[in-house]
Amino acid sequence: MRKSIFTLAIAGLCAGVVNAYADSHAGGHDVIRHKLPNSDFPISLAVEIPASKALVHLSGQVPAVINDKADAGTTAAYGSMEEQATSVLQAIEKALKSLDLTMGDIYRMQVFLVAQDGKVDFSGFMDGYTKFFGTEAQPNLPVRSAVEVAALANPGWLIEIEVSAVRQ
């Protein structure tokens, strides 16, 4: 009998510790963005999302036509990497707004980049990216991966971006 009471007391204590941990690390707390150590590169090392938050995954977004006189299957129709990155991020911003979210709610980003003449214009991508992330107005940085792909569905597209956001 004493052993059973002792076991119940320990089980109750453990349950209390687990609940206290869960309460302090989930419900009602903010998203935590961990900075890259010793770096000013505009992405996060890691992002922690409390269990009580809703996650929203946005389908890949592609550039809009900026020159409707150009052939729709060419980069002339969609612009440079910077112009395409800016266009895609504007489309993401618009889609998020329709869901009552903002660019600051993005916690994860996957970027697919197409090389031209054997080289990805990563600096052009970053020029577009830094208009939206790491600014004074929008300092929240997502975790991010950027990969080179052989091609996208339209030969004029140099970039496609998928994002995941957290409803705060």
N, C-alpha and C. Protein backbone atom coordinates (compact mmCIF):
# COMPACT_ATOMS: atom_id res chain seq x y z
N MET A 1 0.83 -1.19 0.00
CA MET A 1 0.00 0.00 0.00
C MET A 1 0.87 1.25 0.00
N ARG A 2 1.91 1.28 0.89
CA ARG A 2 2.80 2.44 0.94
C ARG A 2 3.51 2.64 -0.38
N LYS A 3 3.91 1.51 -1.01
CA LYS A 3 4.60 1.58 -2.29
C LYS A 3 3.68 2.19 -3.35
N SER A 4 2.40 1.82 -3.33
CA SER A 4 1.43 2.36 -4.29
C SER A 4 1.23 3.85 -4.11
N ILE A 5 1.14 4.32 -2.85
CA ILE A 5 0.97 5.74 -2.58
C ILE A 5 2.22 6.50 -3.03
N PHE A 6 3.40 5.92 -2.73
CA PHE A 6 4.65 6.54 -3.14
C PHE A 6 4.72 6.63 -4.67
N THR A 7 4.36 5.56 -5.36
CA THR A 7 4.37 5.53 -6.82
C THR A 7 3.41 6.57 -7.39
N LEU A 8 2.22 6.69 -6.81
CA LEU A 8 1.25 7.69 -7.25
C LEU A 8 1.78 9.11 -7.02
N ALA A 9 2.43 9.31 -5.87
CA ALA A 9 2.98 10.63 -5.57
C ALA A 9 4.06 11.01 -6.59
N ILE A 10 4.95 10.06 -6.91
CA ILE A 10 6.01 10.32 -7.90
C ILE A 10 5.39 10.58 -9.27
N ALA A 11 4.39 9.76 -9.65
CA ALA A 11 3.73 9.95 -10.94
C ALA A 11 3.06 11.32 -11.02
N GLY A 12 2.43 11.74 -9.95
CA GLY A 12 1.79 13.06 -9.91
C GLY A 12 2.81 14.17 -10.03
N LEU A 13 3.92 14.03 -9.33
CA LEU A 13 4.99 15.02 -9.40
C LEU A 13 5.56 15.11 -10.82
N CYS A 14 5.79 13.96 -11.45
CA CYS A 14 6.31 13.95 -12.84
C CYS A 14 5.31 14.60 -13.79
N ALA A 15 4.04 14.28 -13.63
CA ALA A 15 3.01 14.88 -14.49
C ALA A 15 2.99 16.39 -14.32
N GLY A 16 3.15 16.86 -13.09
CA GLY A 16 3.18 18.30 -12.84
C GLY A 16 4.37 18.96 -13.51
N VAL A 17 5.53 18.31 -13.46
CA VAL A 17 6.73 18.85 -14.11
C VAL A 17 6.54 18.89 -15.63
N VAL A 18 6.00 17.81 -16.20
CA VAL A 18 5.76 17.76 -17.65
C VAL A 18 4.77 18.85 -18.04
N ASN A 19 3.70 19.02 -17.30
CA ASN A 19 2.70 20.05 -17.63
C ASN A 19 3.30 21.45 -17.51
N ALA A 20 4.09 21.67 -16.47
CA ALA A 20 4.72 22.99 -16.29
C ALA A 20 5.67 23.27 -17.45
N TYR A 21 6.43 22.24 -17.88
CA TYR A 21 7.34 22.41 -19.02
C TYR A 21 6.54 22.72 -20.28
N ALA A 22 5.49 21.95 -20.51
CA ALA A 22 4.66 22.16 -21.70
C ALA A 22 4.04 23.56 -21.69
N ASP A 23 3.55 24.00 -20.53
CA ASP A 23 2.95 25.33 -20.44
C ASP A 23 3.98 26.42 -20.71
N SER A 24 5.19 26.23 -20.22
CA SER A 24 6.19 27.27 -20.39
C SER A 24 6.81 27.27 -21.77
N HIS A 25 6.69 26.16 -22.50
CA HIS A 25 7.31 26.07 -23.82
C HIS A 25 6.29 26.01 -24.96
N ALA A 26 5.01 26.08 -24.68
CA ALA A 26 4.04 25.97 -25.76
C ALA A 26 3.00 27.06 -25.68
N GLY A 27 1.94 26.78 -24.95
CA GLY A 27 0.77 27.64 -24.95
C GLY A 27 1.06 29.09 -24.62
N GLY A 28 0.63 29.96 -25.52
CA GLY A 28 0.66 31.38 -25.23
C GLY A 28 2.01 32.05 -25.34
N HIS A 29 3.05 31.33 -25.69
CA HIS A 29 4.37 31.95 -25.78
C HIS A 29 4.69 32.31 -27.22
N ASP A 30 5.67 33.15 -27.38
CA ASP A 30 6.05 33.66 -28.68
C ASP A 30 6.93 32.68 -29.44
N VAL A 31 6.97 32.91 -30.74
CA VAL A 31 7.91 32.22 -31.60
C VAL A 31 9.30 32.73 -31.23
N ILE A 32 10.26 31.82 -31.16
CA ILE A 32 11.64 32.19 -30.82
C ILE A 32 12.51 32.01 -32.05
N ARG A 33 13.18 33.08 -32.46
CA ARG A 33 14.08 33.05 -33.61
C ARG A 33 15.52 33.16 -33.09
N HIS A 34 16.31 32.13 -33.36
CA HIS A 34 17.70 32.10 -32.93
C HIS A 34 18.58 32.67 -34.04
N LYS A 35 19.37 33.67 -33.71
CA LYS A 35 20.25 34.31 -34.70
C LYS A 35 21.41 33.40 -35.04
N LEU A 36 21.94 33.58 -36.25
CA LEU A 36 23.17 32.90 -36.62
C LEU A 36 24.29 33.49 -35.77
N PRO A 37 25.08 32.67 -35.11
CA PRO A 37 26.17 33.21 -34.29
C PRO A 37 27.23 33.89 -35.16
N ASN A 38 27.70 35.02 -34.71
CA ASN A 38 28.79 35.74 -35.35
C ASN A 38 28.53 36.01 -36.84
N SER A 39 27.28 36.34 -37.17
CA SER A 39 26.95 36.55 -38.57
C SER A 39 25.87 37.62 -38.69
N ASP A 40 25.93 38.37 -39.79
CA ASP A 40 24.86 39.31 -40.09
C ASP A 40 24.05 38.85 -41.30
N PHE A 41 24.27 37.59 -41.73
CA PHE A 41 23.52 37.04 -42.86
C PHE A 41 22.05 36.98 -42.47
N PRO A 42 21.15 37.43 -43.34
CA PRO A 42 19.75 37.62 -42.95
C PRO A 42 18.87 36.37 -42.99
N ILE A 43 19.27 35.35 -42.23
CA ILE A 43 18.42 34.19 -41.97
C ILE A 43 18.60 33.81 -40.51
N SER A 44 17.69 33.00 -40.00
CA SER A 44 17.81 32.51 -38.63
C SER A 44 18.53 31.17 -38.61
N LEU A 45 19.22 30.90 -37.53
CA LEU A 45 19.83 29.59 -37.31
C LEU A 45 18.73 28.56 -37.10
N ALA A 46 17.75 28.93 -36.28
CA ALA A 46 16.64 28.04 -35.95
C ALA A 46 15.46 28.89 -35.52
N VAL A 47 14.27 28.32 -35.65
CA VAL A 47 13.05 28.98 -35.20
C VAL A 47 12.26 27.95 -34.40
N GLU A 48 11.85 28.33 -33.18
CA GLU A 48 11.04 27.47 -32.34
C GLU A 48 9.60 27.96 -32.38
N ILE A 49 8.68 27.02 -32.64
CA ILE A 49 7.26 27.34 -32.74
C ILE A 49 6.53 26.64 -31.59
N PRO A 50 5.86 27.39 -30.72
CA PRO A 50 5.09 26.76 -29.65
C PRO A 50 3.99 25.87 -30.24
N ALA A 51 3.70 24.77 -29.54
CA ALA A 51 2.71 23.80 -30.02
C ALA A 51 1.32 24.40 -30.19
N SER A 52 1.03 25.47 -29.51
CA SER A 52 -0.30 26.07 -29.56
C SER A 52 -0.52 26.93 -30.81
N LYS A 53 0.50 27.13 -31.61
CA LYS A 53 0.39 28.00 -32.78
C LYS A 53 -0.04 27.20 -34.01
N ALA A 54 -0.77 27.85 -34.90
CA ALA A 54 -1.17 27.24 -36.16
C ALA A 54 -0.11 27.52 -37.23
N LEU A 55 0.21 26.50 -38.00
CA LEU A 55 1.18 26.64 -39.08
C LEU A 55 0.43 26.73 -40.40
N VAL A 56 0.92 27.60 -41.29
CA VAL A 56 0.31 27.80 -42.60
C VAL A 56 1.40 27.58 -43.64
N HIS A 57 1.15 26.65 -44.56
CA HIS A 57 2.13 26.33 -45.60
C HIS A 57 1.60 26.87 -46.93
N LEU A 58 2.35 27.77 -47.52
CA LEU A 58 1.95 28.41 -48.77
C LEU A 58 2.60 27.67 -49.94
N SER A 59 1.81 27.40 -50.97
CA SER A 59 2.35 26.76 -52.18
C SER A 59 3.42 27.64 -52.81
N GLY A 60 4.26 27.01 -53.61
CA GLY A 60 5.31 27.74 -54.29
C GLY A 60 4.76 28.87 -55.14
N GLN A 61 5.43 30.00 -55.08
CA GLN A 61 5.04 31.19 -55.84
C GLN A 61 6.11 31.45 -56.90
N VAL A 62 5.66 31.92 -58.04
CA VAL A 62 6.56 32.17 -59.18
C VAL A 62 6.42 33.62 -59.62
N PRO A 63 7.34 34.10 -60.44
CA PRO A 63 7.32 35.51 -60.84
C PRO A 63 6.13 35.86 -61.74
N ALA A 64 5.76 37.12 -61.68
CA ALA A 64 4.74 37.67 -62.57
C ALA A 64 5.42 38.22 -63.81
N VAL A 65 4.68 38.28 -64.88
CA VAL A 65 5.18 38.88 -66.12
C VAL A 65 5.37 40.38 -65.88
N ILE A 66 6.55 40.88 -66.25
CA ILE A 66 6.78 42.33 -66.12
C ILE A 66 6.88 42.99 -67.50
N ASN A 67 7.02 42.16 -68.54
CA ASN A 67 7.07 42.67 -69.92
C ASN A 67 6.17 41.80 -70.77
N ASP A 68 4.92 42.22 -70.94
CA ASP A 68 3.96 41.39 -71.68
C ASP A 68 4.18 41.40 -73.19
N LYS A 69 5.15 42.18 -73.67
CA LYS A 69 5.49 42.18 -75.09
C LYS A 69 6.52 41.08 -75.41
N ALA A 70 7.18 40.57 -74.34
CA ALA A 70 8.19 39.53 -74.53
C ALA A 70 7.52 38.15 -74.55
N ASP A 71 8.20 37.20 -75.16
CA ASP A 71 7.72 35.82 -75.20
C ASP A 71 7.62 35.30 -73.76
N ALA A 72 6.46 34.72 -73.42
CA ALA A 72 6.20 34.26 -72.04
C ALA A 72 7.13 33.13 -71.60
N GLY A 73 7.86 32.53 -72.51
CA GLY A 73 8.79 31.47 -72.14
C GLY A 73 10.22 31.94 -72.02
N THR A 74 10.41 33.25 -71.89
CA THR A 74 11.77 33.79 -71.79
C THR A 74 11.93 34.63 -70.52
N THR A 75 13.16 34.80 -70.11
CA THR A 75 13.42 35.65 -68.94
C THR A 75 13.11 37.11 -69.24
N ALA A 76 13.09 37.49 -70.51
CA ALA A 76 12.74 38.87 -70.87
C ALA A 76 11.33 39.21 -70.38
N ALA A 77 10.45 38.23 -70.31
CA ALA A 77 9.08 38.47 -69.83
C ALA A 77 9.02 38.64 -68.31
N TYR A 78 9.98 38.06 -67.60
CA TYR A 78 9.93 38.03 -66.12
C TYR A 78 11.02 38.87 -65.46
N GLY A 79 12.06 39.21 -66.19
CA GLY A 79 13.10 40.07 -65.65
C GLY A 79 14.30 39.34 -65.08
N SER A 80 15.16 40.13 -64.48
CA SER A 80 16.39 39.62 -63.87
C SER A 80 16.06 38.83 -62.60
N MET A 81 17.07 38.20 -62.03
CA MET A 81 16.86 37.45 -60.78
C MET A 81 16.33 38.38 -59.69
N GLU A 82 16.89 39.57 -59.56
CA GLU A 82 16.39 40.50 -58.53
C GLU A 82 14.93 40.85 -58.79
N GLU A 83 14.59 41.15 -60.03
CA GLU A 83 13.21 41.50 -60.36
C GLU A 83 12.27 40.32 -60.11
N GLN A 84 12.72 39.13 -60.46
CA GLN A 84 11.89 37.95 -60.23
C GLN A 84 11.75 37.66 -58.74
N ALA A 85 12.83 37.76 -57.98
CA ALA A 85 12.76 37.53 -56.54
C ALA A 85 11.80 38.53 -55.90
N THR A 86 11.89 39.79 -56.29
CA THR A 86 11.00 40.82 -55.75
C THR A 86 9.55 40.51 -56.11
N SER A 87 9.32 40.11 -57.35
CA SER A 87 7.97 39.77 -57.81
C SER A 87 7.39 38.60 -57.02
N VAL A 88 8.19 37.57 -56.81
CA VAL A 88 7.74 36.39 -56.07
C VAL A 88 7.43 36.76 -54.62
N LEU A 89 8.30 37.54 -54.00
CA LEU A 89 8.08 37.92 -52.61
C LEU A 89 6.87 38.85 -52.48
N GLN A 90 6.61 39.66 -53.48
CA GLN A 90 5.39 40.47 -53.47
C GLN A 90 4.15 39.58 -53.58
N ALA A 91 4.23 38.52 -54.39
CA ALA A 91 3.11 37.57 -54.51
C ALA A 91 2.89 36.84 -53.19
N ILE A 92 3.97 36.49 -52.52
CA ILE A 92 3.87 35.83 -51.21
C ILE A 92 3.24 36.78 -50.21
N GLU A 93 3.70 38.03 -50.21
CA GLU A 93 3.15 39.03 -49.30
C GLU A 93 1.64 39.18 -49.51
N LYS A 94 1.21 39.23 -50.77
CA LYS A 94 -0.22 39.36 -51.10
C LYS A 94 -1.00 38.13 -50.64
N ALA A 95 -0.47 36.94 -50.90
CA ALA A 95 -1.15 35.71 -50.49
C ALA A 95 -1.27 35.64 -48.97
N LEU A 96 -0.20 36.00 -48.27
CA LEU A 96 -0.24 35.99 -46.80
C LEU A 96 -1.27 36.99 -46.28
N LYS A 97 -1.29 38.17 -46.88
CA LYS A 97 -2.25 39.19 -46.45
C LYS A 97 -3.68 38.67 -46.59
N SER A 98 -3.97 37.91 -47.65
CA SER A 98 -5.31 37.35 -47.84
C SER A 98 -5.67 36.35 -46.75
N LEU A 99 -4.65 35.85 -46.05
CA LEU A 99 -4.84 34.90 -44.95
C LEU A 99 -4.66 35.57 -43.59
N ASP A 100 -4.64 36.90 -43.58
CA ASP A 100 -4.41 37.68 -42.36
C ASP A 100 -3.05 37.38 -41.72
N LEU A 101 -2.04 37.23 -42.57
CA LEU A 101 -0.66 37.01 -42.11
C LEU A 101 0.23 38.05 -42.78
N THR A 102 1.46 38.17 -42.29
CA THR A 102 2.42 39.11 -42.85
C THR A 102 3.73 38.40 -43.15
N MET A 103 4.63 39.11 -43.81
CA MET A 103 5.96 38.56 -44.08
C MET A 103 6.69 38.24 -42.77
N GLY A 104 6.39 38.99 -41.73
CA GLY A 104 7.01 38.74 -40.42
C GLY A 104 6.56 37.44 -39.78
N ASP A 105 5.49 36.83 -40.30
CA ASP A 105 5.00 35.56 -39.77
C ASP A 105 5.69 34.36 -40.42
N ILE A 106 6.46 34.60 -41.48
CA ILE A 106 7.17 33.50 -42.15
C ILE A 106 8.27 33.01 -41.22
N TYR A 107 8.32 31.69 -41.04
CA TYR A 107 9.40 31.13 -40.22
C TYR A 107 10.30 30.20 -41.04
N ARG A 108 9.84 29.76 -42.21
CA ARG A 108 10.61 28.81 -43.02
C ARG A 108 10.43 29.16 -44.49
N MET A 109 11.54 29.06 -45.25
CA MET A 109 11.50 29.38 -46.68
C MET A 109 12.38 28.40 -47.44
N GLN A 110 11.85 27.92 -48.57
CA GLN A 110 12.63 27.10 -49.49
C GLN A 110 12.66 27.85 -50.83
N VAL A 111 13.86 28.05 -51.34
CA VAL A 111 14.05 28.82 -52.56
C VAL A 111 14.67 27.91 -53.62
N PHE A 112 14.06 27.91 -54.79
CA PHE A 112 14.55 27.13 -55.92
C PHE A 112 15.04 28.12 -56.98
N LEU A 113 16.33 28.03 -57.32
CA LEU A 113 16.98 28.99 -58.21
C LEU A 113 17.51 28.29 -59.46
N VAL A 114 17.30 28.91 -60.61
CA VAL A 114 17.79 28.38 -61.88
C VAL A 114 19.03 29.17 -62.29
N ALA A 115 20.06 28.45 -62.71
CA ALA A 115 21.29 29.10 -63.18
C ALA A 115 21.12 29.58 -64.61
N GLN A 116 21.79 30.67 -64.91
CA GLN A 116 21.91 31.16 -66.28
C GLN A 116 23.38 31.15 -66.63
N ASP A 117 23.70 30.63 -67.78
CA ASP A 117 25.10 30.53 -68.22
C ASP A 117 25.95 29.82 -67.17
N GLY A 118 25.38 28.80 -66.55
CA GLY A 118 26.12 27.97 -65.60
C GLY A 118 26.26 28.54 -64.20
N LYS A 119 25.61 29.68 -63.92
CA LYS A 119 25.79 30.29 -62.60
C LYS A 119 24.47 30.87 -62.09
N VAL A 120 24.19 30.61 -60.80
CA VAL A 120 23.02 31.20 -60.16
C VAL A 120 23.36 32.62 -59.74
N ASP A 121 22.48 33.55 -60.01
CA ASP A 121 22.66 34.94 -59.59
C ASP A 121 22.17 35.08 -58.14
N PHE A 122 22.97 34.57 -57.20
CA PHE A 122 22.58 34.58 -55.80
C PHE A 122 22.53 36.00 -55.25
N SER A 123 23.43 36.86 -55.69
CA SER A 123 23.40 38.24 -55.20
C SER A 123 22.14 38.96 -55.68
N GLY A 124 21.68 38.65 -56.89
CA GLY A 124 20.42 39.22 -57.37
C GLY A 124 19.25 38.75 -56.51
N PHE A 125 19.26 37.46 -56.17
CA PHE A 125 18.24 36.93 -55.27
C PHE A 125 18.28 37.66 -53.93
N MET A 126 19.48 37.81 -53.37
CA MET A 126 19.62 38.47 -52.06
C MET A 126 19.19 39.93 -52.13
N ASP A 127 19.43 40.60 -53.24
CA ASP A 127 18.99 41.99 -53.39
C ASP A 127 17.46 42.08 -53.31
N GLY A 128 16.77 41.11 -53.89
CA GLY A 128 15.30 41.07 -53.77
C GLY A 128 14.87 40.66 -52.37
N TYR A 129 15.51 39.65 -51.82
CA TYR A 129 15.17 39.11 -50.49
C TYR A 129 15.30 40.16 -49.39
N THR A 130 16.38 40.93 -49.42
CA THR A 130 16.64 41.88 -48.34
C THR A 130 15.74 43.11 -48.39
N LYS A 131 14.89 43.22 -49.41
CA LYS A 131 13.86 44.25 -49.42
C LYS A 131 12.72 43.87 -48.46
N PHE A 132 12.64 42.59 -48.11
CA PHE A 132 11.52 42.07 -47.31
C PHE A 132 11.93 41.52 -45.96
N PHE A 133 13.19 41.12 -45.79
CA PHE A 133 13.64 40.47 -44.57
C PHE A 133 14.89 41.14 -44.02
N GLY A 134 14.91 41.29 -42.68
CA GLY A 134 16.05 41.90 -42.03
C GLY A 134 16.05 43.41 -42.13
N THR A 135 14.89 43.97 -42.41
CA THR A 135 14.78 45.43 -42.50
C THR A 135 14.35 45.97 -41.14
N GLU A 136 14.44 47.26 -40.98
CA GLU A 136 13.97 47.88 -39.74
C GLU A 136 12.47 47.66 -39.58
N ALA A 137 11.74 47.75 -40.67
CA ALA A 137 10.29 47.57 -40.63
C ALA A 137 9.89 46.11 -40.44
N GLN A 138 10.71 45.17 -40.91
CA GLN A 138 10.39 43.74 -40.82
C GLN A 138 11.67 42.97 -40.48
N PRO A 139 12.03 42.90 -39.20
CA PRO A 139 13.28 42.28 -38.79
C PRO A 139 13.24 40.75 -38.65
N ASN A 140 12.06 40.13 -38.69
CA ASN A 140 11.96 38.69 -38.48
C ASN A 140 12.62 37.92 -39.62
N LEU A 141 13.51 37.01 -39.27
CA LEU A 141 14.24 36.24 -40.27
C LEU A 141 13.79 34.78 -40.22
N PRO A 142 13.48 34.20 -41.38
CA PRO A 142 13.12 32.78 -41.40
C PRO A 142 14.36 31.90 -41.46
N VAL A 143 14.17 30.61 -41.18
CA VAL A 143 15.19 29.64 -41.58
C VAL A 143 14.98 29.48 -43.08
N ARG A 144 16.06 29.19 -43.80
CA ARG A 144 15.92 29.19 -45.25
C ARG A 144 16.91 28.23 -45.88
N SER A 145 16.48 27.61 -46.94
CA SER A 145 17.40 26.87 -47.80
C SER A 145 17.22 27.40 -49.21
N ALA A 146 18.30 27.44 -49.96
CA ALA A 146 18.26 27.88 -51.35
C ALA A 146 19.03 26.83 -52.15
N VAL A 147 18.37 26.29 -53.16
CA VAL A 147 19.00 25.24 -53.96
C VAL A 147 18.91 25.57 -55.44
N GLU A 148 19.92 25.13 -56.16
CA GLU A 148 19.90 25.28 -57.61
C GLU A 148 19.14 24.11 -58.20
N VAL A 149 18.24 24.41 -59.13
CA VAL A 149 17.50 23.38 -59.85
C VAL A 149 17.81 23.52 -61.34
N ALA A 150 17.63 22.42 -62.08
CA ALA A 150 17.93 22.46 -63.52
C ALA A 150 16.97 23.39 -64.25
N ALA A 151 15.70 23.38 -63.85
CA ALA A 151 14.71 24.22 -64.53
C ALA A 151 13.45 24.26 -63.69
N LEU A 152 12.59 25.22 -64.01
CA LEU A 152 11.25 25.30 -63.42
C LEU A 152 10.24 25.06 -64.54
N ALA A 153 8.97 25.05 -64.22
CA ALA A 153 7.93 24.71 -65.20
C ALA A 153 7.91 25.63 -66.41
N ASN A 154 8.27 26.90 -66.24
CA ASN A 154 8.34 27.85 -67.35
C ASN A 154 9.81 28.19 -67.57
N PRO A 155 10.31 28.08 -68.78
CA PRO A 155 11.73 28.36 -69.02
C PRO A 155 12.15 29.81 -68.71
N GLY A 156 11.19 30.72 -68.57
CA GLY A 156 11.52 32.10 -68.24
C GLY A 156 11.67 32.36 -66.75
N TRP A 157 11.24 31.41 -65.94
CA TRP A 157 11.32 31.58 -64.48
C TRP A 157 12.71 31.21 -63.99
N LEU A 158 13.27 32.07 -63.16
CA LEU A 158 14.56 31.81 -62.53
C LEU A 158 14.42 31.44 -61.06
N ILE A 159 13.19 31.57 -60.51
CA ILE A 159 13.02 31.40 -59.07
C ILE A 159 11.59 30.95 -58.75
N GLU A 160 11.49 30.09 -57.75
CA GLU A 160 10.22 29.74 -57.13
C GLU A 160 10.49 29.66 -55.63
N ILE A 161 9.55 30.16 -54.83
CA ILE A 161 9.73 30.17 -53.38
C ILE A 161 8.50 29.58 -52.71
N GLU A 162 8.74 28.67 -51.76
CA GLU A 162 7.70 28.15 -50.87
C GLU A 162 7.98 28.70 -49.48
N VAL A 163 6.93 29.05 -48.75
CA VAL A 163 7.11 29.52 -47.37
C VAL A 163 6.14 28.83 -46.44
N SER A 164 6.52 28.81 -45.17
CA SER A 164 5.64 28.38 -44.09
C SER A 164 5.59 29.53 -43.09
N ALA A 165 4.39 29.81 -42.62
CA ALA A 165 4.19 30.92 -41.67
C ALA A 165 3.51 30.38 -40.42
N VAL A 166 3.61 31.15 -39.36
CA VAL A 166 2.98 30.77 -38.09
C VAL A 166 1.95 31.85 -37.76
N ARG A 167 0.75 31.40 -37.43
CA ARG A 167 -0.30 32.34 -37.04
C ARG A 167 -0.05 32.71 -35.58
N GLN A 168 0.26 33.99 -35.34
CA GLN A 168 0.63 34.46 -33.99
C GLN A 168 -0.60 34.68 -33.11
